[in-house]
């Protein structure tokens, strides 16, 4: 799959966001819970991050696009956190009040730091890739080798290095496609969690 096809697929998932949002809001006779509001916030953030990612990749601005993968992954980490606490509504209410997830504890009594949530997700077959993606995309948030080496355009056998400072960064299409596929995988797992909530919500009395 080409990078443009991957981006178009990613953009097309906006319709799935709309569909799942309607299903969620209509579930349980339209009753609204704090967890619904929490999920709505994640959905809006996801759509905006997806739009920004696609725009930046098409502009060959990968160093700006890559951190958005980490932000989108945070959506999944936060969603996972809501499913491993005693009460998702209480968790959501605390989040709405501004509490940080890393100060809250899961059912096992562990503080839900980003790293802990990434490890927890990686123990699940469908999301075994999360911890590695978390580590790699975090490098784009803080100054790392990803940024330092991005200025090297060419290194010849004689040790001569060509440096390039520009507002664009062209990367191999394979890498850009893998990045887009990561965004798609995160989105698909978010849908899995939301459908799980819809199932639970419909059973509430």
N, C-alpha and C. Protein backbone atom coordinates (compact mmCIF):
# COMPACT_ATOMS: atom_id res chain seq x y z
N UNK A 1 0.85 -1.20 0.00
CA UNK A 1 0.00 0.00 0.00
C UNK A 1 0.88 1.25 0.00
N UNK A 2 0.59 2.21 -0.87
CA UNK A 2 1.36 3.45 -0.94
C UNK A 2 1.01 4.35 0.22
N UNK A 3 1.85 5.33 0.47
CA UNK A 3 1.60 6.26 1.57
C UNK A 3 0.29 7.02 1.35
N UNK A 4 0.02 7.41 0.11
CA UNK A 4 -1.22 8.16 -0.16
C UNK A 4 -2.45 7.29 0.09
N UNK A 5 -2.38 6.04 -0.29
CA UNK A 5 -3.50 5.14 -0.01
C UNK A 5 -3.70 4.95 1.49
N UNK A 6 -2.59 4.86 2.22
CA UNK A 6 -2.68 4.72 3.68
C UNK A 6 -3.29 5.96 4.31
N UNK A 7 -2.90 7.13 3.81
CA UNK A 7 -3.45 8.38 4.34
C UNK A 7 -4.94 8.50 4.04
N UNK A 8 -5.32 8.10 2.84
CA UNK A 8 -6.75 8.15 2.48
C UNK A 8 -7.56 7.18 3.34
N UNK A 9 -7.00 6.01 3.60
CA UNK A 9 -7.67 5.05 4.48
C UNK A 9 -7.83 5.64 5.88
N UNK A 10 -6.77 6.25 6.37
CA UNK A 10 -6.80 6.88 7.69
C UNK A 10 -7.87 7.97 7.75
N UNK A 11 -7.91 8.78 6.72
CA UNK A 11 -8.91 9.86 6.67
C UNK A 11 -10.33 9.33 6.57
N UNK A 12 -10.48 8.20 5.89
CA UNK A 12 -11.83 7.63 5.71
C UNK A 12 -12.41 7.12 7.03
N UNK A 13 -11.57 6.91 8.02
CA UNK A 13 -12.04 6.41 9.31
C UNK A 13 -12.84 7.46 10.07
N UNK A 14 -12.83 8.69 9.57
CA UNK A 14 -13.66 9.73 10.19
C UNK A 14 -15.13 9.33 10.17
N UNK A 15 -15.55 8.68 9.09
CA UNK A 15 -16.94 8.22 9.01
C UNK A 15 -17.22 7.16 10.06
N UNK A 16 -16.25 6.33 10.35
CA UNK A 16 -16.42 5.31 11.39
C UNK A 16 -16.52 5.96 12.76
N UNK A 17 -15.75 7.04 12.96
CA UNK A 17 -15.85 7.79 14.22
C UNK A 17 -17.27 8.32 14.41
N UNK A 18 -17.82 8.88 13.35
CA UNK A 18 -19.17 9.45 13.41
C UNK A 18 -20.19 8.35 13.71
N UNK A 19 -20.05 7.22 13.03
CA UNK A 19 -20.97 6.11 13.21
C UNK A 19 -20.94 5.58 14.64
N UNK A 20 -19.75 5.36 15.17
CA UNK A 20 -19.63 4.80 16.50
C UNK A 20 -20.08 5.79 17.57
N UNK A 21 -19.87 7.08 17.29
CA UNK A 21 -20.34 8.10 18.23
C UNK A 21 -21.86 8.09 18.34
N UNK A 22 -22.53 7.98 17.20
CA UNK A 22 -23.99 7.91 17.20
C UNK A 22 -24.48 6.69 17.96
N UNK A 23 -23.83 5.54 17.72
CA UNK A 23 -24.23 4.31 18.40
C UNK A 23 -24.06 4.46 19.92
N UNK A 24 -22.97 5.08 20.32
CA UNK A 24 -22.71 5.24 21.74
C UNK A 24 -23.74 6.14 22.41
N UNK A 25 -24.05 7.24 21.76
CA UNK A 25 -24.99 8.20 22.34
C UNK A 25 -26.42 7.67 22.35
N UNK A 26 -26.73 6.77 21.44
CA UNK A 26 -28.08 6.20 21.38
C UNK A 26 -28.23 4.98 22.29
N UNK A 27 -27.11 4.43 22.75
CA UNK A 27 -27.16 3.23 23.59
C UNK A 27 -27.86 3.52 24.91
N UNK A 28 -28.49 2.50 25.47
CA UNK A 28 -29.18 2.60 26.76
C UNK A 28 -30.20 3.74 26.75
N UNK A 29 -30.98 3.77 25.66
CA UNK A 29 -32.06 4.76 25.51
C UNK A 29 -31.56 6.20 25.58
N UNK A 30 -30.32 6.39 25.18
CA UNK A 30 -29.79 7.75 25.11
C UNK A 30 -29.31 8.31 26.43
N UNK A 31 -29.27 7.49 27.49
CA UNK A 31 -28.76 7.97 28.78
C UNK A 31 -27.29 8.34 28.63
N UNK A 32 -26.90 9.42 29.29
CA UNK A 32 -25.53 9.94 29.16
C UNK A 32 -24.76 9.74 30.46
N UNK A 33 -23.55 9.22 30.32
CA UNK A 33 -22.68 8.98 31.47
C UNK A 33 -21.40 9.81 31.31
N UNK A 34 -20.70 9.99 32.43
CA UNK A 34 -19.46 10.76 32.36
C UNK A 34 -18.45 10.08 31.44
N UNK A 35 -18.52 8.75 31.34
CA UNK A 35 -17.60 8.03 30.46
C UNK A 35 -17.90 8.36 29.00
N UNK A 36 -19.15 8.64 28.67
CA UNK A 36 -19.49 9.08 27.31
C UNK A 36 -18.77 10.37 26.98
N UNK A 37 -18.75 11.30 27.93
CA UNK A 37 -18.09 12.59 27.70
C UNK A 37 -16.59 12.39 27.54
N UNK A 38 -16.04 11.51 28.35
CA UNK A 38 -14.61 11.20 28.26
C UNK A 38 -14.27 10.66 26.86
N UNK A 39 -15.10 9.73 26.39
CA UNK A 39 -14.86 9.14 25.07
C UNK A 39 -15.05 10.17 23.96
N UNK A 40 -16.04 11.03 24.10
CA UNK A 40 -16.26 12.07 23.09
C UNK A 40 -15.02 12.96 22.95
N UNK A 41 -14.39 13.26 24.09
CA UNK A 41 -13.17 14.06 24.05
C UNK A 41 -12.05 13.35 23.32
N UNK A 42 -11.93 12.05 23.55
CA UNK A 42 -10.91 11.26 22.87
C UNK A 42 -11.20 11.19 21.37
N UNK A 43 -12.46 11.02 21.02
CA UNK A 43 -12.82 10.93 19.60
C UNK A 43 -12.50 12.23 18.87
N UNK A 44 -12.86 13.36 19.47
CA UNK A 44 -12.57 14.64 18.82
C UNK A 44 -11.06 14.84 18.66
N UNK A 45 -10.33 14.54 19.73
CA UNK A 45 -8.88 14.66 19.66
C UNK A 45 -8.30 13.75 18.59
N UNK A 46 -8.83 12.54 18.47
CA UNK A 46 -8.34 11.59 17.49
C UNK A 46 -8.53 12.08 16.06
N UNK A 47 -9.71 12.63 15.80
CA UNK A 47 -10.00 13.14 14.45
C UNK A 47 -9.08 14.30 14.10
N UNK A 48 -8.88 15.21 15.05
CA UNK A 48 -8.01 16.37 14.79
C UNK A 48 -6.55 15.95 14.61
N UNK A 49 -6.09 15.00 15.42
CA UNK A 49 -4.71 14.53 15.27
C UNK A 49 -4.51 13.82 13.94
N UNK A 50 -5.52 13.05 13.53
CA UNK A 50 -5.45 12.36 12.24
C UNK A 50 -5.36 13.35 11.10
N UNK A 51 -6.18 14.39 11.14
CA UNK A 51 -6.16 15.41 10.10
C UNK A 51 -4.80 16.10 10.05
N UNK A 52 -4.27 16.45 11.23
CA UNK A 52 -2.96 17.11 11.29
C UNK A 52 -1.85 16.21 10.78
N UNK A 53 -1.91 14.93 11.14
CA UNK A 53 -0.89 13.98 10.71
C UNK A 53 -0.86 13.87 9.19
N UNK A 54 -2.02 13.70 8.59
CA UNK A 54 -2.10 13.54 7.13
C UNK A 54 -1.60 14.80 6.42
N UNK A 55 -1.96 15.95 6.93
CA UNK A 55 -1.52 17.22 6.33
C UNK A 55 -0.01 17.35 6.38
N UNK A 56 0.58 17.06 7.54
CA UNK A 56 2.02 17.22 7.71
C UNK A 56 2.81 16.21 6.89
N UNK A 57 2.33 14.98 6.79
CA UNK A 57 3.03 13.98 5.98
C UNK A 57 3.03 14.40 4.52
N UNK A 58 1.89 14.90 4.05
CA UNK A 58 1.82 15.36 2.65
C UNK A 58 2.70 16.57 2.40
N UNK A 59 3.02 17.30 3.45
CA UNK A 59 3.90 18.46 3.32
C UNK A 59 5.38 18.07 3.52
N UNK A 60 5.63 16.76 3.61
CA UNK A 60 6.99 16.26 3.87
C UNK A 60 7.59 16.82 5.16
N UNK A 61 6.72 17.01 6.16
CA UNK A 61 7.17 17.52 7.46
C UNK A 61 7.02 16.39 8.48
N UNK A 62 7.84 15.35 8.32
CA UNK A 62 7.68 14.16 9.13
C UNK A 62 8.03 14.38 10.60
N UNK A 63 9.00 15.25 10.88
CA UNK A 63 9.39 15.49 12.27
C UNK A 63 8.25 16.12 13.08
N UNK A 64 7.36 16.81 12.38
CA UNK A 64 6.19 17.36 13.06
C UNK A 64 5.04 16.36 13.09
N UNK A 65 4.99 15.49 12.09
CA UNK A 65 3.92 14.49 12.03
C UNK A 65 4.13 13.37 13.04
N UNK A 66 5.37 12.94 13.21
CA UNK A 66 5.67 11.78 14.06
C UNK A 66 5.21 11.94 15.51
N UNK A 67 5.39 13.11 16.14
CA UNK A 67 4.91 13.24 17.52
C UNK A 67 3.40 13.05 17.65
N UNK A 68 2.68 13.28 16.56
CA UNK A 68 1.23 13.11 16.61
C UNK A 68 0.85 11.65 16.77
N UNK A 69 1.74 10.74 16.32
CA UNK A 69 1.50 9.31 16.54
C UNK A 69 1.51 9.04 18.04
N UNK A 70 2.49 9.66 18.72
CA UNK A 70 2.58 9.49 20.18
C UNK A 70 1.36 10.07 20.88
N UNK A 71 0.86 11.20 20.42
CA UNK A 71 -0.34 11.81 21.00
C UNK A 71 -1.57 10.95 20.75
N UNK A 72 -1.64 10.37 19.55
CA UNK A 72 -2.76 9.49 19.23
C UNK A 72 -2.68 8.22 20.07
N UNK A 73 -1.46 7.74 20.29
CA UNK A 73 -1.27 6.57 21.14
C UNK A 73 -1.73 6.88 22.56
N UNK A 74 -1.55 8.12 22.99
CA UNK A 74 -2.01 8.51 24.32
C UNK A 74 -3.53 8.34 24.44
N UNK A 75 -4.24 8.57 23.35
CA UNK A 75 -5.69 8.34 23.37
C UNK A 75 -5.99 6.89 23.75
N UNK A 76 -5.22 5.98 23.16
CA UNK A 76 -5.42 4.55 23.43
C UNK A 76 -5.01 4.20 24.86
N UNK A 77 -3.91 4.79 25.33
CA UNK A 77 -3.46 4.54 26.70
C UNK A 77 -4.52 4.99 27.70
N UNK A 78 -5.08 6.18 27.45
CA UNK A 78 -6.10 6.71 28.36
C UNK A 78 -7.37 5.87 28.33
N UNK A 79 -7.73 5.40 27.15
CA UNK A 79 -8.92 4.56 27.03
C UNK A 79 -8.70 3.25 27.78
N UNK A 80 -7.53 2.70 27.62
CA UNK A 80 -7.21 1.46 28.33
C UNK A 80 -7.28 1.66 29.84
N UNK A 81 -6.78 2.81 30.30
CA UNK A 81 -6.80 3.11 31.73
C UNK A 81 -8.22 3.06 32.28
N UNK A 82 -9.17 3.56 31.50
CA UNK A 82 -10.57 3.60 31.95
C UNK A 82 -11.17 2.21 32.09
N UNK A 83 -10.55 1.23 31.45
CA UNK A 83 -11.06 -0.14 31.50
C UNK A 83 -10.37 -1.00 32.56
N UNK A 84 -9.34 -0.47 33.21
CA UNK A 84 -8.64 -1.27 34.22
C UNK A 84 -8.76 -0.63 35.60
N UNK A 85 -9.73 0.23 35.77
CA UNK A 85 -10.03 0.82 37.09
C UNK A 85 -11.32 0.22 37.62
N UNK A 86 -11.60 0.50 38.88
CA UNK A 86 -12.79 -0.07 39.51
C UNK A 86 -14.06 0.43 38.85
N UNK A 87 -14.10 1.73 38.52
CA UNK A 87 -15.31 2.31 37.96
C UNK A 87 -14.94 3.34 36.89
N UNK A 88 -15.31 3.06 35.65
CA UNK A 88 -14.93 3.94 34.54
C UNK A 88 -15.60 5.31 34.64
N UNK A 89 -16.80 5.37 35.21
CA UNK A 89 -17.47 6.65 35.36
C UNK A 89 -16.76 7.53 36.38
N UNK A 90 -16.34 6.92 37.50
CA UNK A 90 -15.59 7.67 38.51
C UNK A 90 -14.27 8.17 37.93
N UNK A 91 -13.61 7.29 37.18
CA UNK A 91 -12.35 7.67 36.53
C UNK A 91 -12.58 8.85 35.60
N UNK A 92 -13.63 8.77 34.78
CA UNK A 92 -13.92 9.82 33.81
C UNK A 92 -14.26 11.14 34.50
N UNK A 93 -15.00 11.05 35.61
CA UNK A 93 -15.36 12.26 36.35
C UNK A 93 -14.11 12.94 36.90
N UNK A 94 -13.17 12.15 37.39
CA UNK A 94 -11.91 12.71 37.89
C UNK A 94 -11.12 13.36 36.75
N UNK A 95 -11.14 12.72 35.58
CA UNK A 95 -10.44 13.30 34.42
C UNK A 95 -11.09 14.61 33.99
N UNK A 96 -12.42 14.65 34.03
CA UNK A 96 -13.15 15.87 33.66
C UNK A 96 -12.80 17.01 34.61
N UNK A 97 -12.54 16.66 35.87
CA UNK A 97 -12.17 17.67 36.87
C UNK A 97 -10.72 18.10 36.74
N UNK A 98 -9.96 17.41 35.88
CA UNK A 98 -8.58 17.82 35.61
C UNK A 98 -7.50 16.98 36.26
N UNK A 99 -7.89 15.86 36.88
CA UNK A 99 -6.87 15.01 37.51
C UNK A 99 -6.05 14.28 36.46
N UNK A 100 -4.77 14.07 36.75
CA UNK A 100 -3.88 13.38 35.83
C UNK A 100 -3.96 11.87 36.04
N UNK A 101 -3.95 11.15 34.94
CA UNK A 101 -4.07 9.70 35.01
C UNK A 101 -2.92 9.07 35.80
N UNK A 102 -1.72 9.64 35.69
CA UNK A 102 -0.57 9.03 36.38
C UNK A 102 -0.65 9.16 37.90
N UNK A 103 -1.64 9.92 38.39
CA UNK A 103 -1.86 10.00 39.83
C UNK A 103 -2.98 9.07 40.29
N UNK A 104 -3.61 8.40 39.33
CA UNK A 104 -4.71 7.50 39.64
C UNK A 104 -4.22 6.05 39.58
N UNK A 105 -4.92 5.15 40.28
CA UNK A 105 -4.48 3.76 40.37
C UNK A 105 -5.47 2.81 39.70
N UNK A 106 -4.94 1.71 39.19
CA UNK A 106 -5.79 0.69 38.58
C UNK A 106 -6.27 -0.29 39.65
N UNK A 107 -6.93 -1.33 39.22
CA UNK A 107 -7.48 -2.32 40.16
C UNK A 107 -6.40 -3.01 40.99
N UNK A 108 -5.18 -3.07 40.47
CA UNK A 108 -4.08 -3.72 41.18
C UNK A 108 -3.37 -2.78 42.14
N UNK A 109 -3.81 -1.52 42.15
CA UNK A 109 -3.18 -0.54 43.03
C UNK A 109 -1.96 0.13 42.45
N UNK A 110 -1.74 -0.05 41.14
CA UNK A 110 -0.58 0.57 40.46
C UNK A 110 -0.94 1.93 39.89
N UNK A 111 -0.04 2.89 40.04
CA UNK A 111 -0.25 4.19 39.42
C UNK A 111 -0.16 4.03 37.91
N UNK A 112 -1.10 4.63 37.22
CA UNK A 112 -1.21 4.44 35.78
C UNK A 112 -0.39 5.47 35.00
N UNK A 113 0.93 5.31 35.08
CA UNK A 113 1.81 6.14 34.27
C UNK A 113 1.70 5.71 32.81
N UNK A 114 2.19 6.54 31.92
CA UNK A 114 2.14 6.18 30.49
C UNK A 114 2.89 4.88 30.24
N UNK A 115 4.07 4.75 30.86
CA UNK A 115 4.87 3.55 30.64
C UNK A 115 4.16 2.31 31.17
N UNK A 116 3.51 2.45 32.32
CA UNK A 116 2.77 1.31 32.89
C UNK A 116 1.61 0.91 31.98
N UNK A 117 0.90 1.90 31.48
CA UNK A 117 -0.24 1.62 30.59
C UNK A 117 0.23 0.97 29.29
N UNK A 118 1.37 1.44 28.77
CA UNK A 118 1.91 0.86 27.54
C UNK A 118 2.29 -0.61 27.76
N UNK A 119 2.91 -0.89 28.91
CA UNK A 119 3.27 -2.27 29.23
C UNK A 119 2.03 -3.13 29.42
N UNK A 120 1.02 -2.56 30.09
CA UNK A 120 -0.22 -3.28 30.32
C UNK A 120 -0.91 -3.64 29.01
N UNK A 121 -0.95 -2.69 28.09
CA UNK A 121 -1.56 -2.94 26.79
C UNK A 121 -0.79 -3.98 26.00
N UNK A 122 0.53 -3.98 26.14
CA UNK A 122 1.36 -4.91 25.38
C UNK A 122 1.20 -6.35 25.83
N UNK A 123 0.58 -6.53 26.98
CA UNK A 123 0.31 -7.89 27.46
C UNK A 123 -0.92 -8.50 26.80
N UNK A 124 -1.64 -7.66 26.04
CA UNK A 124 -2.84 -8.10 25.32
C UNK A 124 -2.43 -8.43 23.88
N UNK A 125 -2.88 -9.55 23.38
CA UNK A 125 -2.47 -10.02 22.05
C UNK A 125 -2.69 -8.98 20.97
N UNK A 126 -3.88 -8.35 20.96
CA UNK A 126 -4.22 -7.39 19.89
C UNK A 126 -3.36 -6.13 19.92
N UNK A 127 -2.77 -5.85 21.07
CA UNK A 127 -1.98 -4.62 21.20
C UNK A 127 -0.58 -4.89 21.71
N UNK A 128 -0.03 -6.04 21.32
CA UNK A 128 1.32 -6.41 21.77
C UNK A 128 2.39 -5.45 21.22
N UNK A 129 2.05 -4.68 20.21
CA UNK A 129 2.97 -3.75 19.56
C UNK A 129 3.06 -2.40 20.26
N UNK A 130 2.22 -2.16 21.25
CA UNK A 130 2.09 -0.82 21.83
C UNK A 130 3.36 -0.35 22.53
N UNK A 131 3.99 -1.19 23.34
CA UNK A 131 5.16 -0.75 24.10
C UNK A 131 6.28 -0.29 23.19
N UNK A 132 6.54 -1.04 22.13
CA UNK A 132 7.60 -0.64 21.19
C UNK A 132 7.24 0.68 20.50
N UNK A 133 5.98 0.82 20.09
CA UNK A 133 5.56 2.06 19.45
C UNK A 133 5.66 3.23 20.43
N UNK A 134 5.30 2.99 21.68
CA UNK A 134 5.40 4.02 22.72
C UNK A 134 6.84 4.51 22.86
N UNK A 135 7.78 3.58 22.94
CA UNK A 135 9.19 3.95 23.11
C UNK A 135 9.73 4.71 21.90
N UNK A 136 9.40 4.23 20.70
CA UNK A 136 9.93 4.84 19.48
C UNK A 136 9.33 6.22 19.22
N UNK A 137 8.02 6.36 19.41
CA UNK A 137 7.38 7.66 19.14
C UNK A 137 7.69 8.69 20.22
N UNK A 138 8.00 8.23 21.43
CA UNK A 138 8.37 9.17 22.49
C UNK A 138 9.67 9.89 22.15
N UNK A 139 10.51 9.24 21.33
CA UNK A 139 11.77 9.86 20.91
C UNK A 139 11.53 11.09 20.05
N UNK A 140 10.35 11.17 19.42
CA UNK A 140 10.05 12.34 18.59
C UNK A 140 9.48 13.50 19.42
N UNK A 141 9.14 13.21 20.67
CA UNK A 141 8.60 14.26 21.55
C UNK A 141 9.74 15.01 22.23
N UNK A 142 10.74 14.27 22.70
CA UNK A 142 11.92 14.86 23.33
C UNK A 142 13.08 14.81 22.36
N UNK A 143 13.98 15.79 22.45
CA UNK A 143 15.14 15.81 21.55
C UNK A 143 15.91 14.50 21.67
N UNK A 144 16.10 13.84 20.54
CA UNK A 144 16.76 12.53 20.54
C UNK A 144 17.53 12.36 19.24
N UNK A 145 18.00 11.13 19.04
CA UNK A 145 18.72 10.81 17.80
C UNK A 145 17.85 11.05 16.58
N UNK A 146 16.51 10.92 16.74
CA UNK A 146 15.60 11.12 15.62
C UNK A 146 15.75 12.52 15.05
N UNK A 147 15.93 13.50 15.92
CA UNK A 147 16.06 14.90 15.48
C UNK A 147 17.48 15.21 15.04
N UNK A 148 18.45 14.75 15.83
CA UNK A 148 19.85 15.07 15.54
C UNK A 148 20.27 14.50 14.19
N UNK A 149 19.91 13.25 13.94
CA UNK A 149 20.33 12.60 12.70
C UNK A 149 19.50 13.04 11.50
N UNK A 150 18.40 13.73 11.74
CA UNK A 150 17.55 14.17 10.63
C UNK A 150 18.22 15.23 9.77
N UNK A 151 19.25 15.89 10.32
CA UNK A 151 19.93 16.94 9.55
C UNK A 151 20.98 16.36 8.61
N UNK A 152 21.31 15.07 8.76
CA UNK A 152 22.31 14.44 7.90
C UNK A 152 21.65 13.99 6.61
N UNK A 153 22.04 14.61 5.53
CA UNK A 153 21.49 14.27 4.22
C UNK A 153 22.27 13.14 3.57
N UNK A 154 23.60 13.18 3.74
CA UNK A 154 24.45 12.18 3.09
C UNK A 154 25.76 12.05 3.83
N UNK A 155 26.25 10.82 3.94
CA UNK A 155 27.56 10.56 4.53
C UNK A 155 28.32 9.65 3.59
N UNK A 156 29.42 10.21 2.97
CA UNK A 156 30.13 9.39 1.99
C UNK A 156 31.26 8.60 2.66
N UNK A 157 31.88 7.74 1.90
CA UNK A 157 32.91 6.86 2.44
C UNK A 157 34.13 7.63 2.93
N UNK A 158 34.32 8.83 2.45
CA UNK A 158 35.47 9.64 2.87
C UNK A 158 35.21 10.38 4.17
N UNK A 159 34.04 10.20 4.74
CA UNK A 159 33.73 10.85 6.01
C UNK A 159 33.14 12.25 5.85
N UNK A 160 32.82 12.61 4.60
CA UNK A 160 32.23 13.93 4.35
C UNK A 160 30.72 13.84 4.60
N UNK A 161 30.23 14.77 5.42
CA UNK A 161 28.81 14.77 5.78
C UNK A 161 28.12 15.98 5.16
N UNK A 162 27.00 15.74 4.53
CA UNK A 162 26.17 16.82 4.02
C UNK A 162 25.04 17.07 5.01
N UNK A 163 24.94 18.31 5.53
CA UNK A 163 23.87 18.68 6.44
C UNK A 163 22.83 19.49 5.70
N UNK A 164 21.57 19.29 6.04
CA UNK A 164 20.50 20.05 5.40
C UNK A 164 19.56 20.59 6.49
N UNK A 165 19.38 21.91 6.49
CA UNK A 165 18.41 22.55 7.37
C UNK A 165 17.29 23.06 6.49
N UNK A 166 16.08 22.53 6.67
CA UNK A 166 14.98 22.87 5.79
C UNK A 166 13.66 22.74 6.53
N UNK A 167 12.60 23.30 5.93
CA UNK A 167 11.28 23.15 6.54
C UNK A 167 10.58 21.89 6.02
N UNK A 168 11.34 21.04 5.31
CA UNK A 168 10.80 19.77 4.83
C UNK A 168 11.77 18.65 5.18
N UNK A 169 11.22 17.47 5.34
CA UNK A 169 12.05 16.29 5.54
C UNK A 169 11.45 15.13 4.77
N UNK A 170 12.12 14.74 3.72
CA UNK A 170 11.65 13.62 2.92
C UNK A 170 12.22 12.33 3.50
N UNK A 171 11.35 11.39 3.81
CA UNK A 171 11.79 10.11 4.34
C UNK A 171 11.35 9.01 3.38
N UNK A 172 11.94 7.83 3.48
CA UNK A 172 11.53 6.73 2.60
C UNK A 172 10.03 6.47 2.74
N UNK A 173 9.38 6.20 1.62
CA UNK A 173 7.93 5.99 1.64
C UNK A 173 7.56 4.83 2.56
N UNK A 174 8.43 3.84 2.66
CA UNK A 174 8.15 2.71 3.54
C UNK A 174 7.95 3.18 4.97
N UNK A 175 8.80 4.10 5.44
CA UNK A 175 8.71 4.59 6.81
C UNK A 175 7.45 5.43 7.01
N UNK A 176 7.14 6.25 6.02
CA UNK A 176 5.94 7.07 6.11
C UNK A 176 4.69 6.20 6.12
N UNK A 177 4.70 5.15 5.31
CA UNK A 177 3.56 4.23 5.26
C UNK A 177 3.40 3.50 6.59
N UNK A 178 4.52 3.08 7.18
CA UNK A 178 4.47 2.40 8.48
C UNK A 178 3.90 3.34 9.55
N UNK A 179 4.24 4.60 9.46
CA UNK A 179 3.73 5.58 10.42
C UNK A 179 2.22 5.73 10.28
N UNK A 180 1.76 5.79 9.04
CA UNK A 180 0.32 5.91 8.79
C UNK A 180 -0.41 4.65 9.26
N UNK A 181 0.21 3.51 9.05
CA UNK A 181 -0.40 2.25 9.49
C UNK A 181 -0.48 2.19 11.02
N UNK A 182 0.49 2.78 11.69
CA UNK A 182 0.45 2.85 13.15
C UNK A 182 -0.74 3.67 13.61
N UNK A 183 -0.99 4.79 12.93
CA UNK A 183 -2.15 5.63 13.25
C UNK A 183 -3.45 4.85 13.04
N UNK A 184 -3.48 4.06 11.97
CA UNK A 184 -4.67 3.25 11.67
C UNK A 184 -4.88 2.19 12.75
N UNK A 185 -3.80 1.53 13.15
CA UNK A 185 -3.90 0.48 14.17
C UNK A 185 -4.40 1.03 15.49
N UNK A 186 -3.89 2.20 15.87
CA UNK A 186 -4.35 2.84 17.11
C UNK A 186 -5.84 3.12 17.02
N UNK A 187 -6.26 3.66 15.89
CA UNK A 187 -7.68 4.00 15.69
C UNK A 187 -8.56 2.76 15.80
N UNK A 188 -8.14 1.68 15.18
CA UNK A 188 -8.92 0.45 15.20
C UNK A 188 -9.08 -0.08 16.63
N UNK A 189 -8.02 0.05 17.43
CA UNK A 189 -8.11 -0.41 18.81
C UNK A 189 -8.99 0.51 19.65
N UNK A 190 -9.01 1.79 19.33
CA UNK A 190 -9.92 2.71 20.01
C UNK A 190 -11.37 2.31 19.75
N UNK A 191 -11.66 1.94 18.50
CA UNK A 191 -13.01 1.49 18.16
C UNK A 191 -13.38 0.25 18.97
N UNK A 192 -12.42 -0.65 19.15
CA UNK A 192 -12.68 -1.88 19.90
C UNK A 192 -13.11 -1.56 21.33
N UNK A 193 -12.43 -0.59 21.92
CA UNK A 193 -12.78 -0.19 23.29
C UNK A 193 -14.14 0.49 23.35
N UNK A 194 -14.40 1.35 22.37
CA UNK A 194 -15.69 2.05 22.39
C UNK A 194 -16.84 1.07 22.22
N UNK A 195 -16.68 0.10 21.33
CA UNK A 195 -17.73 -0.90 21.17
C UNK A 195 -17.90 -1.73 22.45
N UNK A 196 -16.80 -1.93 23.16
CA UNK A 196 -16.89 -2.61 24.44
C UNK A 196 -17.72 -1.81 25.43
N UNK A 197 -17.53 -0.49 25.43
CA UNK A 197 -18.31 0.38 26.31
C UNK A 197 -19.78 0.38 25.90
N UNK A 198 -20.05 0.39 24.61
CA UNK A 198 -21.45 0.38 24.16
C UNK A 198 -22.14 -0.89 24.66
N UNK A 199 -21.43 -2.01 24.60
CA UNK A 199 -21.99 -3.27 25.08
C UNK A 199 -22.31 -3.19 26.58
N UNK A 200 -21.37 -2.64 27.35
CA UNK A 200 -21.58 -2.50 28.78
C UNK A 200 -22.69 -1.50 29.08
N UNK A 201 -22.70 -0.40 28.35
CA UNK A 201 -23.69 0.65 28.57
C UNK A 201 -25.10 0.14 28.35
N UNK A 202 -25.28 -0.67 27.32
CA UNK A 202 -26.61 -1.21 27.03
C UNK A 202 -27.13 -2.14 28.11
N UNK A 203 -26.23 -2.65 28.94
CA UNK A 203 -26.64 -3.55 30.02
C UNK A 203 -26.92 -2.82 31.33
N UNK A 204 -26.59 -1.51 31.37
CA UNK A 204 -26.84 -0.74 32.58
C UNK A 204 -28.33 -0.55 32.80
N UNK A 205 -28.74 -0.60 34.05
CA UNK A 205 -30.17 -0.44 34.36
C UNK A 205 -30.49 1.02 34.66
